Amino acid sequence: MRMMNNANEDKSKKLSSSPRVSSLLLVFFFCWSFRHFQRNNIGFQFHICNTTIQSRYFLSDHNGYVCNALSVNSQSRCCPQTSQRFSCHGCNVLSRCCNSYEYCVSCCLNPVHTSKEQVMKLKIAKPSTARTYASVFEYCAGRCRHSSESVVHENAYLSDFHHCFSLPSNSSRTDTILLETRLNGINVVVGRQGESCDLACKSRGQSCVPNKLSVLNHCDIIQKYMSCKGACLASVGSDQPPEVVHDAPKHMNPGSCLYSQTQFILSCDDSHQHTRRLCPCA
């Protein structure tokens, strides 16, 4: 009788311990599987995209993709990689201005158009509260929305390209001395209203020197010869750099000076009826 009781006790112990063994085996298998997954997926990360939020229909993510808002990945917030990347649709690549905010950001993110090294050195806000940009996307998203150049294009040139992403200034005072040395032997002349540099130089018995126009195309240099009371603003056109005359229509920002964002198109023979050009003569 005692032997039967011992046998029953042993059997009950085995039955009661079997769930524990099963649980331990499951825990061991789970831990092994997880560690195996980790070893085979080293560096695997789930990235969340930064995106524009200005439009309900389209957006651009920080990778430079533009897509329909409905096609965005609900978890990552990224556009599909089958979307257009670094698209400049609706943009004037020369002036770096676009008629769409989302495409402005996408075009701006292209390393060919925007240097990360330059952007990361730029300051945001006034010197007292300034900080640098955290990313090229932060620069492009802010620049395309608030660019002062878009005002010049919209008002002075009546353009539909309201979103611009060029760097905020082409002038640095530390470079002014170096620029001025390149003007040795050059007679810098302020032309009459509506007069081309060819005519301005010819009236003084000299000729316009085309390859020196790019040297004059800097705010510090322009402001040395012109008052520029309305500030120095980026613009487009081959008739740069000029000063907008004071009796020009208000929408043209009278008194302001303009520099070109596309120096290779500068020309000696172009003019504008409401500006006075700064000319290199010799």
C-alpha atoms as a PDB file:
ATOM      1  CA  MET A   1       0.000   0.000   0.000  1.00  0.00           C
ATOM      2  CA  ARG A   2       2.828   2.358   0.919  1.00  0.00           C
ATOM      3  CA  MET A   3       4.551   1.525  -2.375  1.00  0.00           C
ATOM      4  CA  MET A   4       1.417   2.454  -4.326  1.00  0.00           C
ATOM      5  CA  ASN A   5       1.164   5.761  -2.464  1.00  0.00           C
ATOM      6  CA  ASN A   6       4.830   6.549  -3.222  1.00  0.00           C
ATOM      7  CA  ALA A   7       4.261   5.754  -6.882  1.00  0.00           C
ATOM      8  CA  ASN A   8       1.233   8.032  -6.995  1.00  0.00           C
ATOM      9  CA  GLU A   9       3.195  10.817  -5.279  1.00  0.00           C
ATOM     10  CA  ASP A  10       6.043  10.510  -7.807  1.00  0.00           C
ATOM     11  CA  LYS A  11       3.559  10.574 -10.669  1.00  0.00           C
ATOM     12  CA  SER A  12       1.809  13.659  -9.304  1.00  0.00           C
ATOM     13  CA  LYS A  13       5.186  15.421  -8.855  1.00  0.00           C
ATOM     14  CA  LYS A  14       6.072  14.725 -12.488  1.00  0.00           C
ATOM     15  CA  LEU A  15       2.697  16.020 -13.670  1.00  0.00           C
ATOM     16  CA  SER A  16       2.962  19.155 -11.540  1.00  0.00           C
ATOM     17  CA  SER A  17       6.528  19.878 -12.678  1.00  0.00           C
ATOM     18  CA  SER A  18       5.837  19.423 -16.409  1.00  0.00           C
ATOM     19  CA  PRO A  19       4.130  22.858 -16.843  1.00  0.00           C
ATOM     20  CA  ARG A  20       7.103  24.489 -15.133  1.00  0.00           C
ATOM     21  CA  VAL A  21       9.487  22.744 -17.487  1.00  0.00           C
ATOM     22  CA  SER A  22       7.392  23.792 -20.471  1.00  0.00           C
ATOM     23  CA  SER A  23       7.364  27.401 -19.272  1.00  0.00           C
ATOM     24  CA  LEU A  24      11.122  27.409 -18.776  1.00  0.00           C
ATOM     25  CA  LEU A  25      11.619  25.943 -22.236  1.00  0.00           C
ATOM     26  CA  LEU A  26       9.403  28.631 -23.767  1.00  0.00           C
ATOM     27  CA  VAL A  27      11.294  31.401 -21.960  1.00  0.00           C
ATOM     28  CA  PHE A  28      14.618  29.934 -23.061  1.00  0.00           C
ATOM     29  CA  PHE A  29      13.429  29.622 -26.670  1.00  0.00           C
ATOM     30  CA  PHE A  30      12.118  33.205 -26.675  1.00  0.00           C
ATOM     31  CA  CYS A  31      15.384  34.602 -25.273  1.00  0.00           C
ATOM     32  CA  TRP A  32      17.444  32.613 -27.754  1.00  0.00           C
ATOM     33  CA  SER A  33      15.265  33.722 -30.661  1.00  0.00           C
ATOM     34  CA  PHE A  34      15.435  37.382 -29.606  1.00  0.00           C
ATOM     35  CA  ARG A  35      19.227  37.322 -29.244  1.00  0.00           C
ATOM     36  CA  HIS A  36      19.524  35.529 -32.571  1.00  0.00           C
ATOM     37  CA  PHE A  37      17.320  38.215 -34.168  1.00  0.00           C
ATOM     38  CA  GLN A  38      19.475  40.945 -32.661  1.00  0.00           C
ATOM     39  CA  ARG A  39      22.687  39.379 -33.955  1.00  0.00           C
ATOM     40  CA  ASN A  40      21.261  39.078 -37.427  1.00  0.00           C
ATOM     41  CA  ASN A  41      19.805  42.587 -37.469  1.00  0.00           C
ATOM     42  CA  ILE A  42      22.647  44.650 -36.058  1.00  0.00           C
ATOM     43  CA  GLY A  43      22.113  48.309 -36.992  1.00  0.00           C
ATOM     44  CA  PHE A  44      18.439  47.807 -37.814  1.00  0.00           C
ATOM     45  CA  GLN A  45      16.525  50.935 -36.818  1.00  0.00           C
ATOM     46  CA  PHE A  46      13.061  52.269 -37.476  1.00  0.00           C
ATOM     47  CA  HIS A  47      13.406  55.797 -38.855  1.00  0.00           C
ATOM     48  CA  ILE A  48      10.727  58.466 -38.524  1.00  0.00           C
ATOM     49  CA  CYS A  49      10.742  61.098 -41.274  1.00  0.00           C
ATOM     50  CA  ASN A  50      10.432  64.832 -40.787  1.00  0.00           C
ATOM     51  CA  THR A  51       7.924  66.229 -43.268  1.00  0.00           C
ATOM     52  CA  THR A  52       6.448  69.503 -44.438  1.00  0.00           C
ATOM     53  CA  ILE A  53       2.959  70.259 -43.119  1.00  0.00           C
ATOM     54  CA  GLN A  54       1.923  73.266 -45.206  1.00  0.00           C
ATOM     55  CA  SER A  55      -0.345  71.420 -47.659  1.00  0.00           C
ATOM     56  CA  ARG A  56      -3.131  68.913 -47.076  1.00  0.00           C
ATOM     57  CA  TYR A  57      -2.463  67.202 -50.394  1.00  0.00           C
ATOM     58  CA  PHE A  58       1.304  67.011 -50.913  1.00  0.00           C
ATOM     59  CA  LEU A  59       4.331  66.878 -48.661  1.00  0.00           C
ATOM     60  CA  SER A  60       8.083  66.503 -48.835  1.00  0.00           C
ATOM     61  CA  ASP A  61      10.081  64.416 -46.373  1.00  0.00           C
ATOM     62  CA  HIS A  62      13.613  65.008 -45.115  1.00  0.00           C
ATOM     63  CA  ASN A  63      14.984  62.503 -47.638  1.00  0.00           C
ATOM     64  CA  GLY A  64      13.894  64.779 -50.481  1.00  0.00           C
ATOM     65  CA  TYR A  65      10.905  62.739 -51.663  1.00  0.00           C
ATOM     66  CA  VAL A  66       7.664  64.456 -52.678  1.00  0.00           C
ATOM     67  CA  CYS A  67       4.415  62.503 -52.526  1.00  0.00           C
ATOM     68  CA  ASN A  68       0.667  62.614 -52.144  1.00  0.00           C
ATOM     69  CA  ALA A  69      -0.302  62.902 -48.483  1.00  0.00           C
ATOM     70  CA  LEU A  70      -2.415  59.745 -48.770  1.00  0.00           C
ATOM     71  CA  SER A  71       0.581  57.650 -49.853  1.00  0.00           C
ATOM     72  CA  VAL A  72       2.697  58.455 -46.778  1.00  0.00           C
ATOM     73  CA  ASN A  73       3.701  55.503 -44.609  1.00  0.00           C
ATOM     74  CA  SER A  74       1.473  55.726 -41.539  1.00  0.00           C
ATOM     75  CA  GLN A  75       4.228  54.516 -39.192  1.00  0.00           C
ATOM     76  CA  SER A  76       7.406  56.135 -40.518  1.00  0.00           C
ATOM     77  CA  ARG A  77       5.719  59.228 -42.008  1.00  0.00           C
ATOM     78  CA  CYS A  78       8.051  58.808 -44.995  1.00  0.00           C
ATOM     79  CA  CYS A  79       7.099  59.127 -48.653  1.00  0.00           C
ATOM     80  CA  PRO A  80       7.398  55.936 -50.729  1.00  0.00           C
ATOM     81  CA  GLN A  81      10.844  55.586 -52.285  1.00  0.00           C
ATOM     82  CA  THR A  82       9.093  55.207 -55.623  1.00  0.00           C
ATOM     83  CA  SER A  83       8.112  58.894 -55.360  1.00  0.00           C
ATOM     84  CA  GLN A  84       9.991  61.756 -57.016  1.00  0.00           C
ATOM     85  CA  ARG A  85      13.188  62.635 -55.202  1.00  0.00           C
ATOM     86  CA  PHE A  86      14.938  66.019 -55.285  1.00  0.00           C
ATOM     87  CA  SER A  87      12.253  67.132 -57.722  1.00  0.00           C
ATOM     88  CA  CYS A  88      12.444  70.701 -59.031  1.00  0.00           C
ATOM     89  CA  HIS A  89       9.028  70.577 -60.694  1.00  0.00           C
ATOM     90  CA  GLY A  90       7.701  74.128 -60.958  1.00  0.00           C
ATOM     91  CA  CYS A  91      11.080  75.604 -59.992  1.00  0.00           C
ATOM     92  CA  ASN A  92      13.399  78.021 -61.741  1.00  0.00           C
ATOM     93  CA  VAL A  93      16.741  76.383 -61.018  1.00  0.00           C
ATOM     94  CA  LEU A  94      18.654  79.528 -62.000  1.00  0.00           C
ATOM     95  CA  SER A  95      16.868  81.791 -59.517  1.00  0.00           C
ATOM     96  CA  ARG A  96      16.282  78.882 -57.098  1.00  0.00           C
ATOM     97  CA  CYS A  97      12.652  79.880 -56.660  1.00  0.00           C
ATOM     98  CA  CYS A  98       9.574  77.653 -57.030  1.00  0.00           C
ATOM     99  CA  ASN A  99       5.807  78.042 -57.323  1.00  0.00           C
ATOM    100  CA  SER A 100       5.199  75.234 -54.806  1.00  0.00           C
ATOM    101  CA  TYR A 101       6.428  75.009 -51.224  1.00  0.00           C
ATOM    102  CA  GLU A 102       6.775  71.208 -51.214  1.00  0.00           C
ATOM    103  CA  TYR A 103       8.783  71.110 -54.446  1.00  0.00           C
ATOM    104  CA  CYS A 104      10.912  74.001 -53.205  1.00  0.00           C
ATOM    105  CA  VAL A 105      11.904  71.913 -50.172  1.00  0.00           C
ATOM    106  CA  SER A 106      12.538  68.822 -52.301  1.00  0.00           C
ATOM    107  CA  CYS A 107      14.673  70.745 -54.801  1.00  0.00           C
ATOM    108  CA  CYS A 108      16.547  72.512 -51.995  1.00  0.00           C
ATOM    109  CA  LEU A 109      17.469  69.174 -50.368  1.00  0.00           C
ATOM    110  CA  ASN A 110      19.428  68.119 -53.447  1.00  0.00           C
ATOM    111  CA  PRO A 111      23.138  68.285 -52.466  1.00  0.00           C
ATOM    112  CA  VAL A 112      23.837  69.742 -55.916  1.00  0.00           C
ATOM    113  CA  HIS A 113      21.794  72.836 -55.019  1.00  0.00           C
ATOM    114  CA  THR A 114      22.449  73.185 -51.284  1.00  0.00           C
ATOM    115  CA  SER A 115      25.759  72.610 -49.534  1.00  0.00           C
ATOM    116  CA  LYS A 116      25.325  70.953 -46.137  1.00  0.00           C
ATOM    117  CA  GLU A 117      28.663  72.408 -45.026  1.00  0.00           C
ATOM    118  CA  GLN A 118      27.493  75.967 -45.735  1.00  0.00           C
ATOM    119  CA  VAL A 119      24.014  75.510 -44.294  1.00  0.00           C
ATOM    120  CA  MET A 120      25.268  74.101 -40.992  1.00  0.00           C
ATOM    121  CA  LYS A 121      27.318  77.280 -40.457  1.00  0.00           C
ATOM    122  CA  LEU A 122      24.381  79.650 -40.944  1.00  0.00           C
ATOM    123  CA  LYS A 123      22.780  81.335 -37.963  1.00  0.00           C
ATOM    124  CA  ILE A 124      19.042  81.390 -37.270  1.00  0.00           C
ATOM    125  CA  ALA A 125      17.453  84.589 -35.899  1.00  0.00           C
ATOM    126  CA  LYS A 126      19.327  87.581 -34.528  1.00  0.00           C
ATOM    127  CA  PRO A 127      22.870  87.288 -33.118  1.00  0.00           C
ATOM    128  CA  SER A 128      21.679  87.512 -29.501  1.00  0.00           C
ATOM    129  CA  THR A 129      19.463  84.436 -29.864  1.00  0.00           C
ATOM    130  CA  ALA A 130      21.171  82.790 -32.812  1.00  0.00           C
ATOM    131  CA  ARG A 131      21.754  79.088 -33.242  1.00  0.00           C
ATOM    132  CA  THR A 132      22.808  77.000 -36.203  1.00  0.00           C
ATOM    133  CA  TYR A 133      20.510  74.791 -38.258  1.00  0.00           C
ATOM    134  CA  ALA A 134      20.127  71.230 -37.006  1.00  0.00           C
ATOM    135  CA  SER A 135      19.795  69.814 -40.515  1.00  0.00           C
ATOM    136  CA  VAL A 136      19.542  70.730 -44.182  1.00  0.00           C
ATOM    137  CA  PHE A 137      15.834  69.877 -43.991  1.00  0.00           C
ATOM    138  CA  GLU A 138      15.301  72.470 -41.247  1.00  0.00           C
ATOM    139  CA  TYR A 139      17.039  75.059 -43.427  1.00  0.00           C
ATOM    140  CA  CYS A 140      15.064  74.179 -46.574  1.00  0.00           C
ATOM    141  CA  ALA A 141      11.708  73.982 -44.785  1.00  0.00           C
ATOM    142  CA  GLY A 142      12.244  77.389 -43.207  1.00  0.00           C
ATOM    143  CA  ARG A 143      13.932  79.061 -46.149  1.00  0.00           C
ATOM    144  CA  CYS A 144      11.278  78.050 -48.686  1.00  0.00           C
ATOM    145  CA  ARG A 145       8.548  79.418 -46.408  1.00  0.00           C
ATOM    146  CA  HIS A 146      10.096  82.707 -45.273  1.00  0.00           C
ATOM    147  CA  SER A 147      12.654  83.621 -47.943  1.00  0.00           C
ATOM    148  CA  SER A 148      13.039  87.385 -48.361  1.00  0.00           C
ATOM    149  CA  GLU A 149      14.080  86.796 -51.952  1.00  0.00           C
ATOM    150  CA  SER A 150      10.552  85.673 -52.776  1.00  0.00           C
ATOM    151  CA  VAL A 151       9.355  89.198 -51.970  1.00  0.00           C
ATOM    152  CA  VAL A 152      11.763  90.662 -54.492  1.00  0.00           C
ATOM    153  CA  HIS A 153      10.640  88.254 -57.179  1.00  0.00           C
ATOM    154  CA  GLU A 154       6.960  88.665 -56.382  1.00  0.00           C
ATOM    155  CA  ASN A 155       7.007  92.444 -56.228  1.00  0.00           C
ATOM    156  CA  ALA A 156       9.879  93.696 -58.333  1.00  0.00           C
ATOM    157  CA  TYR A 157       9.674  91.112 -61.091  1.00  0.00           C
ATOM    158  CA  LEU A 158       5.998  90.082 -60.714  1.00  0.00           C
ATOM    159  CA  SER A 159       6.968  86.408 -60.655  1.00  0.00           C
ATOM    160  CA  ASP A 160       4.870  83.395 -59.652  1.00  0.00           C
ATOM    161  CA  PHE A 161       7.895  81.798 -58.008  1.00  0.00           C
ATOM    162  CA  HIS A 162       7.230  82.718 -54.384  1.00  0.00           C
ATOM    163  CA  HIS A 163       9.264  80.020 -52.592  1.00  0.00           C
ATOM    164  CA  CYS A 164      13.046  80.486 -52.734  1.00  0.00           C
ATOM    165  CA  PHE A 165      15.862  78.516 -51.138  1.00  0.00           C
ATOM    166  CA  SER A 166      19.088  80.348 -51.977  1.00  0.00           C
ATOM    167  CA  LEU A 167      21.527  81.255 -49.209  1.00  0.00           C
ATOM    168  CA  PRO A 168      20.450  84.499 -47.515  1.00  0.00           C
ATOM    169  CA  SER A 169      23.408  86.646 -48.500  1.00  0.00           C
ATOM    170  CA  ASN A 170      26.248  86.553 -50.977  1.00  0.00           C
ATOM    171  CA  SER A 171      28.419  88.931 -49.005  1.00  0.00           C
ATOM    172  CA  SER A 172      30.931  88.556 -46.218  1.00  0.00           C
ATOM    173  CA  ARG A 173      32.869  91.520 -44.911  1.00  0.00           C
ATOM    174  CA  THR A 174      35.944  89.404 -44.366  1.00  0.00           C
ATOM    175  CA  ASP A 175      36.079  88.837 -48.127  1.00  0.00           C
ATOM    176  CA  THR A 176      35.607  92.485 -49.109  1.00  0.00           C
ATOM    177  CA  ILE A 177      39.324  93.306 -49.147  1.00  0.00           C
ATOM    178  CA  LEU A 178      40.050  90.295 -51.344  1.00  0.00           C
ATOM    179  CA  LEU A 179      37.291  91.333 -53.739  1.00  0.00           C
ATOM    180  CA  GLU A 180      38.576  94.895 -53.937  1.00  0.00           C
ATOM    181  CA  THR A 181      42.042  93.701 -54.936  1.00  0.00           C
ATOM    182  CA  ARG A 182      40.426  92.090 -57.983  1.00  0.00           C
ATOM    183  CA  LEU A 183      39.203  95.539 -59.013  1.00  0.00           C
ATOM    184  CA  ASN A 184      42.705  96.999 -59.393  1.00  0.00           C
ATOM    185  CA  GLY A 185      42.828  98.963 -62.637  1.00  0.00           C
ATOM    186  CA  ILE A 186      39.028  99.000 -62.905  1.00  0.00           C
ATOM    187  CA  ASN A 187      37.031 102.233 -62.921  1.00  0.00           C
ATOM    188  CA  VAL A 188      33.797 101.442 -61.069  1.00  0.00           C
ATOM    189  CA  VAL A 189      31.022 103.572 -62.557  1.00  0.00           C
ATOM    190  CA  VAL A 190      27.387 104.124 -61.566  1.00  0.00           C
ATOM    191  CA  GLY A 191      25.365 104.348 -64.763  1.00  0.00           C
ATOM    192  CA  ARG A 192      22.379 106.546 -65.475  1.00  0.00           C
ATOM    193  CA  GLN A 193      18.816 105.307 -65.030  1.00  0.00           C
ATOM    194  CA  GLY A 194      17.981 102.766 -67.738  1.00  0.00           C
ATOM    195  CA  GLU A 195      21.564 102.779 -69.072  1.00  0.00           C
ATOM    196  CA  SER A 196      23.540  99.607 -69.827  1.00  0.00           C
ATOM    197  CA  CYS A 197      27.121  99.169 -68.650  1.00  0.00           C
ATOM    198  CA  ASP A 198      28.304  99.221 -72.252  1.00  0.00           C
ATOM    199  CA  LEU A 199      26.866 102.729 -72.679  1.00  0.00           C
ATOM    200  CA  ALA A 200      27.961 103.885 -69.206  1.00  0.00           C
ATOM    201  CA  CYS A 201      31.586 102.915 -69.902  1.00  0.00           C
ATOM    202  CA  LYS A 202      31.529 104.138 -73.505  1.00  0.00           C
ATOM    203  CA  SER A 203      30.396 107.617 -72.391  1.00  0.00           C
ATOM    204  CA  ARG A 204      33.657 107.780 -70.411  1.00  0.00           C
ATOM    205  CA  GLY A 205      35.816 106.594 -73.266  1.00  0.00           C
ATOM    206  CA  GLN A 206      36.190 103.113 -71.788  1.00  0.00           C
ATOM    207  CA  SER A 207      34.773  99.607 -72.260  1.00  0.00           C
ATOM    208  CA  CYS A 208      32.836  97.369 -69.901  1.00  0.00           C
ATOM    209  CA  VAL A 209      34.851  94.435 -68.532  1.00  0.00           C
ATOM    210  CA  PRO A 210      32.376  91.489 -68.373  1.00  0.00           C
ATOM    211  CA  ASN A 211      34.434  89.218 -66.108  1.00  0.00           C
ATOM    212  CA  LYS A 212      34.481  91.907 -63.394  1.00  0.00           C
ATOM    213  CA  LEU A 213      30.678  92.065 -63.071  1.00  0.00           C
ATOM    214  CA  SER A 214      30.774  89.057 -60.744  1.00  0.00           C
ATOM    215  CA  VAL A 215      33.245  90.902 -58.496  1.00  0.00           C
ATOM    216  CA  LEU A 216      30.830  93.824 -58.163  1.00  0.00           C
ATOM    217  CA  ASN A 217      27.953  91.405 -57.516  1.00  0.00           C
ATOM    218  CA  HIS A 218      28.413  91.418 -53.714  1.00  0.00           C
ATOM    219  CA  CYS A 219      26.438  93.471 -51.214  1.00  0.00           C
ATOM    220  CA  ASP A 220      29.485  94.932 -49.455  1.00  0.00           C
ATOM    221  CA  ILE A 221      30.885  96.154 -52.785  1.00  0.00           C
ATOM    222  CA  ILE A 222      27.531  97.474 -54.035  1.00  0.00           C
ATOM    223  CA  GLN A 223      26.914  99.377 -50.788  1.00  0.00           C
ATOM    224  CA  LYS A 224      30.309 101.037 -51.083  1.00  0.00           C
ATOM    225  CA  TYR A 225      29.238 102.808 -54.278  1.00  0.00           C
ATOM    226  CA  MET A 226      25.453 103.057 -53.800  1.00  0.00           C
ATOM    227  CA  SER A 227      23.255 104.115 -50.871  1.00  0.00           C
ATOM    228  CA  CYS A 228      21.067 100.972 -50.880  1.00  0.00           C
ATOM    229  CA  LYS A 229      18.681 102.537 -48.341  1.00  0.00           C
ATOM    230  CA  GLY A 230      16.128  99.853 -49.085  1.00  0.00           C
ATOM    231  CA  ALA A 231      18.641  97.064 -48.257  1.00  0.00           C
ATOM    232  CA  CYS A 232      20.554  94.684 -50.508  1.00  0.00           C
ATOM    233  CA  LEU A 233      18.342  91.919 -51.873  1.00  0.00           C
ATOM    234  CA  ALA A 234      18.825  88.864 -54.057  1.00  0.00           C
ATOM    235  CA  SER A 235      17.259  88.936 -57.493  1.00  0.00           C
ATOM    236  CA  VAL A 236      17.508  87.513 -61.004  1.00  0.00           C
ATOM    237  CA  GLY A 237      18.438  88.924 -64.370  1.00  0.00           C
ATOM    238  CA  SER A 238      21.539  89.736 -66.368  1.00  0.00           C
ATOM    239  CA  ASP A 239      21.265  93.484 -65.595  1.00  0.00           C
ATOM    240  CA  GLN A 240      22.776  93.120 -62.113  1.00  0.00           C
ATOM    241  CA  PRO A 241      24.038  94.601 -59.847  1.00  0.00           C
ATOM    242  CA  PRO A 242      21.884  97.769 -59.818  1.00  0.00           C
ATOM    243  CA  GLU A 243      20.141 100.153 -57.454  1.00  0.00           C
ATOM    244  CA  VAL A 244      16.388 100.656 -57.860  1.00  0.00           C
ATOM    245  CA  VAL A 245      15.772 104.376 -58.428  1.00  0.00           C
ATOM    246  CA  HIS A 246      13.839 106.279 -55.747  1.00  0.00           C
ATOM    247  CA  ASP A 247      10.979 107.270 -58.065  1.00  0.00           C
ATOM    248  CA  ALA A 248      10.347 103.680 -59.144  1.00  0.00           C
ATOM    249  CA  PRO A 249       6.915 102.137 -58.429  1.00  0.00           C
ATOM    250  CA  LYS A 250       6.534 101.088 -54.788  1.00  0.00           C
ATOM    251  CA  HIS A 251       6.210  97.408 -55.654  1.00  0.00           C
ATOM    252  CA  MET A 252       9.802  97.514 -56.944  1.00  0.00           C
ATOM    253  CA  ASN A 253      11.271  98.450 -53.549  1.00  0.00           C
ATOM    254  CA  PRO A 254      12.680 101.910 -54.435  1.00  0.00           C
ATOM    255  CA  GLY A 255      16.137 102.582 -53.045  1.00  0.00           C
ATOM    256  CA  SER A 256      17.098  98.936 -52.653  1.00  0.00           C
ATOM    257  CA  CYS A 257      20.141  97.374 -54.269  1.00  0.00           C
ATOM    258  CA  LEU A 258      20.001  94.009 -55.994  1.00  0.00           C
ATOM    259  CA  TYR A 259      22.546  91.277 -56.570  1.00  0.00           C
ATOM    260  CA  SER A 260      22.152  88.327 -58.913  1.00  0.00           C
ATOM    261  CA  GLN A 261      21.983  84.741 -57.706  1.00  0.00           C
ATOM    262  CA  THR A 262      23.164  83.521 -61.113  1.00  0.00           C
ATOM    263  CA  GLN A 263      26.431  85.279 -61.803  1.00  0.00           C
ATOM    264  CA  PHE A 264      27.210  83.473 -65.049  1.00  0.00           C
ATOM    265  CA  ILE A 265      24.367  85.276 -66.887  1.00  0.00           C
ATOM    266  CA  LEU A 266      25.552  88.806 -66.015  1.00  0.00           C
ATOM    267  CA  SER A 267      25.902  90.980 -69.089  1.00  0.00           C
ATOM    268  CA  CYS A 268      27.313  94.402 -69.952  1.00  0.00           C
ATOM    269  CA  ASP A 269      24.617  95.242 -72.507  1.00  0.00           C
ATOM    270  CA  ASP A 270      21.447  94.747 -70.450  1.00  0.00           C
ATOM    271  CA  SER A 271      19.527  97.426 -68.563  1.00  0.00           C
ATOM    272  CA  HIS A 272      16.255  98.125 -66.731  1.00  0.00           C
ATOM    273  CA  GLN A 273      14.185 101.282 -66.963  1.00  0.00           C
ATOM    274  CA  HIS A 274      13.941 101.664 -63.177  1.00  0.00           C
ATOM    275  CA  THR A 275      17.524 100.876 -62.120  1.00  0.00           C
ATOM    276  CA  ARG A 276      21.018 102.336 -62.249  1.00  0.00           C
ATOM    277  CA  ARG A 277      23.712  99.756 -62.869  1.00  0.00           C
ATOM    278  CA  LEU A 278      27.085  99.428 -61.172  1.00  0.00           C
ATOM    279  CA  CYS A 279      29.629  98.917 -63.946  1.00  0.00           C
ATOM    280  CA  PRO A 280      33.301  97.862 -64.261  1.00  0.00           C
ATOM    281  CA  CYS A 281      35.032  99.988 -66.890  1.00  0.00           C
ATOM    282  CA  ALA A 282      38.590  99.992 -68.237  1.00  0.00           C
END
